[in-house]
Amino acid sequence: MKYEQKIVLKNSKEALIRNGNASDGLAVYEVFNLTHAETDYLLSYPDENSFDPEQEARFLEEKAESPNETELIAIIDGKVAGTAGIEAVGKKYKVKHRAEFGISVLMEYWGLGLGKALTKACIQCAKNAGYDQLELNVVADNNRALSLYRSLGFEEFGRNPRGFNSQTSGYQELVYMMLKL
């Protein structure tokens, strides 16, 4: 699924949001490890990264060629600043209307509107792919993310009080959210 858009951030810098491709593999791998070290709100820790740079490159290329899944990257001043993507929940008839959303942004770019722009881009990609529903999980203490998702129309549909088990803070409650497309 192809996507490309330029946006202007709150600090007046321009960001390019586009599909990741094989040549972005190393940069995206490094950003994954950095973002997952900067916050305890993401699914995994850097040492749990199951990809090496070459595998990341293949993953990005696969998503760029997919008709219904995508992995977008945001580039600011020639640097990958964040990633976001959608994946099918499954191929079976009963779930093929659903996609899952994930996002991570380097801390130095928080508060500039990049997360919102990446989320909107993924919503548009999900619509273009024909999904009826976009889903995500967010740690209940992540108020900034909850506020962002609610502002874009996501609604809570459940909670798991022991959804994550953090190495530093113990159990974290997850909020399950969805957006009807």
Protein backbone atom coordinates (compact mmCIF):
# COMPACT_ATOMS: atom_id res chain seq x y z
CA MET A 1 0.00 0.00 0.00
CA LYS A 2 1.61 3.23 -1.12
CA TYR A 3 1.50 6.39 0.96
CA GLU A 4 3.40 9.69 0.90
CA GLN A 5 2.60 13.05 2.47
CA LYS A 6 4.51 16.10 3.65
CA ILE A 7 3.35 17.88 6.79
CA VAL A 8 4.52 20.89 8.80
CA LEU A 9 5.06 20.25 12.50
CA LYS A 10 4.33 22.62 15.38
CA ASN A 11 8.00 23.69 15.36
CA SER A 12 7.66 24.67 11.65
CA LYS A 13 9.86 21.79 10.47
CA GLU A 14 8.70 19.67 7.59
CA ALA A 15 8.18 15.93 7.98
CA LEU A 16 7.78 13.43 5.18
CA ILE A 17 5.54 10.48 5.97
CA ARG A 18 6.01 7.63 3.52
CA ASN A 19 6.27 3.90 3.21
CA GLY A 20 9.41 2.41 4.62
CA ASN A 21 11.48 0.50 2.09
CA ALA A 22 14.42 -1.88 2.15
CA SER A 23 16.99 0.93 2.21
CA ASP A 24 15.43 2.19 5.47
CA GLY A 25 16.03 -1.11 7.26
CA LEU A 26 18.99 -0.10 9.41
CA ALA A 27 17.53 3.30 10.36
CA VAL A 28 14.16 1.81 11.31
CA TYR A 29 15.88 -0.95 13.29
CA GLU A 30 17.84 1.67 15.24
CA VAL A 31 14.74 3.84 15.83
CA PHE A 32 12.81 0.79 17.04
CA ASN A 33 15.50 0.12 19.64
CA LEU A 34 15.66 3.78 20.71
CA THR A 35 11.90 4.31 21.01
CA HIS A 36 11.47 1.08 22.94
CA ALA A 37 14.17 2.22 25.40
CA GLU A 38 12.69 5.72 25.86
CA THR A 39 9.27 4.71 27.17
CA ASP A 40 7.67 1.89 29.12
CA TYR A 41 4.42 2.21 27.17
CA LEU A 42 5.39 0.04 24.17
CA LEU A 43 4.91 -3.71 23.82
CA SER A 44 8.55 -4.76 24.07
CA TYR A 45 12.04 -3.82 25.21
CA PRO A 46 14.96 -3.22 22.83
CA ASP A 47 16.58 -6.56 23.72
CA GLU A 48 13.36 -8.29 22.62
CA ASN A 49 13.61 -6.97 19.06
CA SER A 50 13.13 -10.07 16.92
CA PHE A 51 14.56 -8.42 13.79
CA ASP A 52 18.07 -7.57 12.68
CA PRO A 53 18.55 -4.74 10.13
CA GLU A 54 18.27 -7.12 7.16
CA GLN A 55 15.05 -8.64 8.46
CA GLU A 56 13.70 -5.14 9.08
CA ALA A 57 14.52 -4.25 5.47
CA ARG A 58 12.60 -7.29 4.19
CA PHE A 59 9.65 -6.48 6.50
CA LEU A 60 9.49 -2.89 5.22
CA GLU A 61 9.62 -4.03 1.60
CA GLU A 62 6.86 -6.60 2.22
CA LYS A 63 4.61 -3.99 3.80
CA ALA A 64 5.28 -1.50 0.99
CA GLU A 65 4.06 -4.09 -1.52
CA SER A 66 1.05 -5.24 0.54
CA PRO A 67 -2.42 -4.21 -0.64
CA ASN A 68 -3.83 -4.05 2.91
CA GLU A 69 -0.96 -3.56 5.39
CA THR A 70 1.62 -0.82 5.72
CA GLU A 71 4.58 0.40 7.75
CA LEU A 72 5.05 4.16 7.49
CA ILE A 73 8.08 6.15 8.52
CA ALA A 74 8.35 9.83 9.35
CA ILE A 75 11.49 11.60 8.18
CA ILE A 76 12.60 14.94 9.60
CA ASP A 77 15.85 16.56 8.46
CA GLY A 78 16.84 13.29 6.77
CA LYS A 79 16.36 11.27 9.97
CA VAL A 80 13.71 8.64 10.76
CA ALA A 81 11.78 10.18 13.67
CA GLY A 82 8.99 7.65 14.07
CA THR A 83 7.12 4.72 12.58
CA ALA A 84 3.51 3.57 12.47
CA GLY A 85 1.67 0.80 10.76
CA ILE A 86 -1.43 -1.28 10.30
CA GLU A 87 -1.69 -5.06 10.12
CA ALA A 88 -4.63 -7.30 9.40
CA VAL A 89 -6.06 -9.05 12.45
CA GLY A 90 -6.50 -12.08 10.19
CA LYS A 91 -7.55 -13.36 6.79
CA LYS A 92 -10.61 -15.32 7.89
CA TYR A 93 -13.97 -13.87 6.90
CA LYS A 94 -15.03 -13.16 10.49
CA VAL A 95 -12.01 -10.92 11.21
CA LYS A 96 -10.87 -9.62 7.82
CA HIS A 97 -12.72 -6.32 8.46
CA ARG A 98 -10.32 -5.53 11.36
CA ALA A 99 -6.82 -4.05 11.40
CA GLU A 100 -4.43 -3.35 14.28
CA PHE A 101 -2.51 -0.10 14.65
CA GLY A 102 0.88 0.51 16.23
CA ILE A 103 3.09 3.60 16.52
CA SER A 104 6.34 4.80 18.05
CA VAL A 105 7.95 8.25 17.92
CA LEU A 106 11.38 9.27 19.17
CA MET A 107 11.05 11.28 22.38
CA GLU A 108 12.79 14.33 20.91
CA TYR A 109 9.82 14.68 18.52
CA TRP A 110 7.04 14.31 21.10
CA GLY A 111 4.57 17.19 21.31
CA LEU A 112 5.09 18.38 17.72
CA GLY A 113 2.06 16.73 16.12
CA LEU A 114 4.01 13.89 14.54
CA GLY A 115 2.11 11.17 16.40
CA LYS A 116 -1.19 12.66 15.30
CA ALA A 117 -0.03 12.90 11.69
CA LEU A 118 1.19 9.28 11.68
CA THR A 119 -2.07 8.11 13.27
CA LYS A 120 -4.15 10.00 10.71
CA ALA A 121 -2.03 8.53 7.90
CA CYS A 122 -2.66 5.01 9.22
CA ILE A 123 -6.39 5.70 9.53
CA GLN A 124 -6.42 6.78 5.88
CA CYS A 125 -4.45 3.68 4.86
CA ALA A 126 -6.90 1.46 6.77
CA LYS A 127 -9.82 3.09 4.98
CA ASN A 128 -8.09 2.74 1.61
CA ALA A 129 -7.48 -0.95 2.32
CA GLY A 130 -11.20 -1.48 2.96
CA TYR A 131 -11.11 -2.17 6.68
CA ASP A 132 -14.20 -1.38 8.74
CA GLN A 133 -12.43 -1.16 12.09
CA LEU A 134 -9.00 -0.06 13.36
CA GLU A 135 -7.90 -1.29 16.80
CA LEU A 136 -5.14 -0.53 19.26
CA ASN A 137 -4.04 -1.18 22.83
CA VAL A 138 -2.71 1.65 24.99
CA VAL A 139 -1.37 1.67 28.55
CA ALA A 140 -4.00 3.31 30.76
CA ASP A 141 -1.41 5.68 32.30
CA ASN A 142 -0.42 7.02 28.87
CA ASN A 143 -2.71 10.05 29.04
CA ARG A 144 -1.20 11.83 26.04
CA ALA A 145 -1.82 8.84 23.78
CA LEU A 146 -5.34 8.29 25.14
CA SER A 147 -6.16 11.94 24.50
CA LEU A 148 -4.80 11.74 20.95
CA TYR A 149 -6.74 8.59 20.08
CA ARG A 150 -9.98 9.92 21.56
CA SER A 151 -9.56 13.19 19.62
CA LEU A 152 -9.44 11.13 16.41
CA GLY A 153 -12.59 9.17 17.24
CA PHE A 154 -11.23 6.00 18.85
CA GLU A 155 -13.50 4.59 21.55
CA GLU A 156 -12.66 2.36 24.49
CA PHE A 157 -14.22 -1.09 24.37
CA GLY A 158 -12.51 -2.84 27.26
CA ARG A 159 -9.60 -3.03 29.67
CA ASN A 160 -7.12 -5.61 30.85
CA PRO A 161 -5.83 -4.66 34.33
CA ARG A 162 -2.75 -6.89 33.90
CA GLY A 163 -2.21 -6.43 30.17
CA PHE A 164 1.51 -5.64 30.37
CA ASN A 165 4.01 -6.70 33.01
CA SER A 166 6.60 -3.93 33.11
CA GLN A 167 10.14 -4.66 34.27
CA THR A 168 10.13 -1.37 36.19
CA SER A 169 6.58 -0.74 37.38
CA GLY A 170 4.87 -4.13 37.49
CA TYR A 171 1.49 -4.71 35.92
CA GLN A 172 0.13 -2.05 33.57
CA GLU A 173 -3.53 -1.79 32.64
CA LEU A 174 -4.25 -1.83 28.91
CA VAL A 175 -7.12 0.06 27.32
CA TYR A 176 -8.55 -1.58 24.20
CA MET A 177 -9.71 1.01 21.67
CA MET A 178 -11.26 0.93 18.23
CA LEU A 179 -12.22 3.31 15.49
CA LYS A 180 -15.15 2.49 13.22
CA LEU A 181 -14.09 3.43 9.71
